[in-house]
Amino acid sequence: TGPIDYKTLAQIDSEGLGQKPDGQSDFFYVRCTLSTIRTDGVFWYPACGTCNKKVMQSGNMWKCPKCETATDAMEPRYILNL
């Protein structure tokens, strides 16, 4: 391992880290300070594994209104306000 390359969240976003179209992954750690914790109990939502939009449960299936897929599994997505 080499020296640690520190980046701001703005740099991560502008460089497109974690958003490569060829499917390759970027790995990085984020250190942050929480200033507020939501008290309404909603800090995640069930999301589509294809388009990451919120899915709705219908019986034992999860349906995505955006890409119109249906699956028996969903992906939890966490809500972060930056």
Protein backbone atom coordinates (compact mmCIF):
# COMPACT_ATOMS: atom_id res chain seq x y z
CA THR A 1 0.00 0.00 0.00
CA GLY A 2 1.10 3.51 -0.74
CA PRO A 3 0.36 6.88 0.79
CA ILE A 4 -3.25 7.77 1.52
CA ASP A 5 -4.81 10.04 -1.11
CA TYR A 6 -7.31 12.29 0.69
CA LYS A 7 -10.21 13.77 -1.33
CA THR A 8 -13.22 15.89 -0.49
CA LEU A 9 -16.73 14.68 -1.33
CA ALA A 10 -16.82 17.34 -4.06
CA GLN A 11 -13.67 15.83 -5.62
CA ILE A 12 -15.13 12.32 -5.45
CA ASP A 13 -18.25 13.58 -7.22
CA SER A 14 -16.43 15.63 -9.86
CA GLU A 15 -14.08 12.74 -10.68
CA GLY A 16 -17.03 10.35 -11.00
CA LEU A 17 -15.65 7.88 -8.47
CA GLY A 18 -18.06 4.98 -8.01
CA GLN A 19 -19.92 5.94 -11.21
CA LYS A 20 -17.89 4.22 -13.94
CA PRO A 21 -19.98 3.11 -16.93
CA ASP A 22 -17.83 0.00 -17.50
CA GLY A 23 -18.98 -1.47 -14.18
CA GLN A 24 -15.58 -1.30 -12.47
CA SER A 25 -15.70 -0.36 -8.82
CA ASP A 26 -13.93 2.36 -6.92
CA PHE A 27 -13.31 1.81 -3.24
CA PHE A 28 -12.93 4.59 -0.73
CA TYR A 29 -13.65 5.38 2.88
CA VAL A 30 -15.58 8.43 3.99
CA ARG A 31 -15.01 10.07 7.34
CA CYS A 32 -17.71 12.50 8.34
CA THR A 33 -19.39 14.12 11.29
CA LEU A 34 -23.12 13.74 11.75
CA SER A 35 -24.75 17.03 12.60
CA THR A 36 -28.35 15.79 12.73
CA ILE A 37 -30.01 12.42 13.08
CA ARG A 38 -33.50 12.17 11.68
CA THR A 39 -36.05 11.56 14.42
CA ASP A 40 -38.98 10.65 12.18
CA GLY A 41 -37.62 7.10 11.88
CA VAL A 42 -37.04 7.30 8.12
CA PHE A 43 -33.35 6.96 7.33
CA TRP A 44 -33.55 4.43 4.47
CA TYR A 45 -35.92 3.33 1.73
CA PRO A 46 -36.43 0.14 -0.32
CA ALA A 47 -34.89 0.70 -3.76
CA CYS A 48 -34.83 -0.95 -7.17
CA GLY A 49 -31.62 -2.89 -7.85
CA THR A 50 -31.65 -1.62 -11.46
CA CYS A 51 -32.38 2.11 -11.28
CA ASN A 52 -32.14 2.83 -7.49
CA LYS A 53 -35.58 4.46 -7.36
CA LYS A 54 -38.00 3.70 -4.54
CA VAL A 55 -39.95 0.45 -5.00
CA MET A 56 -43.39 -0.44 -3.71
CA GLN A 57 -44.26 -3.76 -2.11
CA SER A 58 -47.12 -5.69 -3.67
CA GLY A 59 -47.73 -8.98 -1.89
CA ASN A 60 -44.35 -10.73 -1.75
CA MET A 61 -42.93 -8.78 -4.73
CA TRP A 62 -41.26 -5.37 -5.02
CA LYS A 63 -42.33 -3.30 -8.05
CA CYS A 64 -40.47 -0.34 -9.52
CA PRO A 65 -42.69 2.32 -11.09
CA LYS A 66 -39.76 3.84 -13.04
CA CYS A 67 -38.21 0.88 -14.87
CA GLU A 68 -41.29 -1.35 -14.44
CA THR A 69 -39.38 -4.31 -13.00
CA ALA A 70 -40.73 -6.68 -10.37
CA THR A 71 -38.56 -8.76 -8.06
CA ASP A 72 -38.75 -10.62 -4.77
CA ALA A 73 -35.85 -8.59 -3.35
CA MET A 74 -35.10 -4.94 -2.82
CA GLU A 75 -31.94 -2.95 -2.07
CA PRO A 76 -31.89 -0.78 1.07
CA ARG A 77 -30.71 2.75 0.27
CA TYR A 78 -29.76 5.11 3.05
CA ILE A 79 -30.79 8.76 3.07
CA LEU A 80 -27.92 11.17 3.62
CA ASN A 81 -28.38 14.93 3.52
CA LEU A 82 -25.03 16.49 2.70
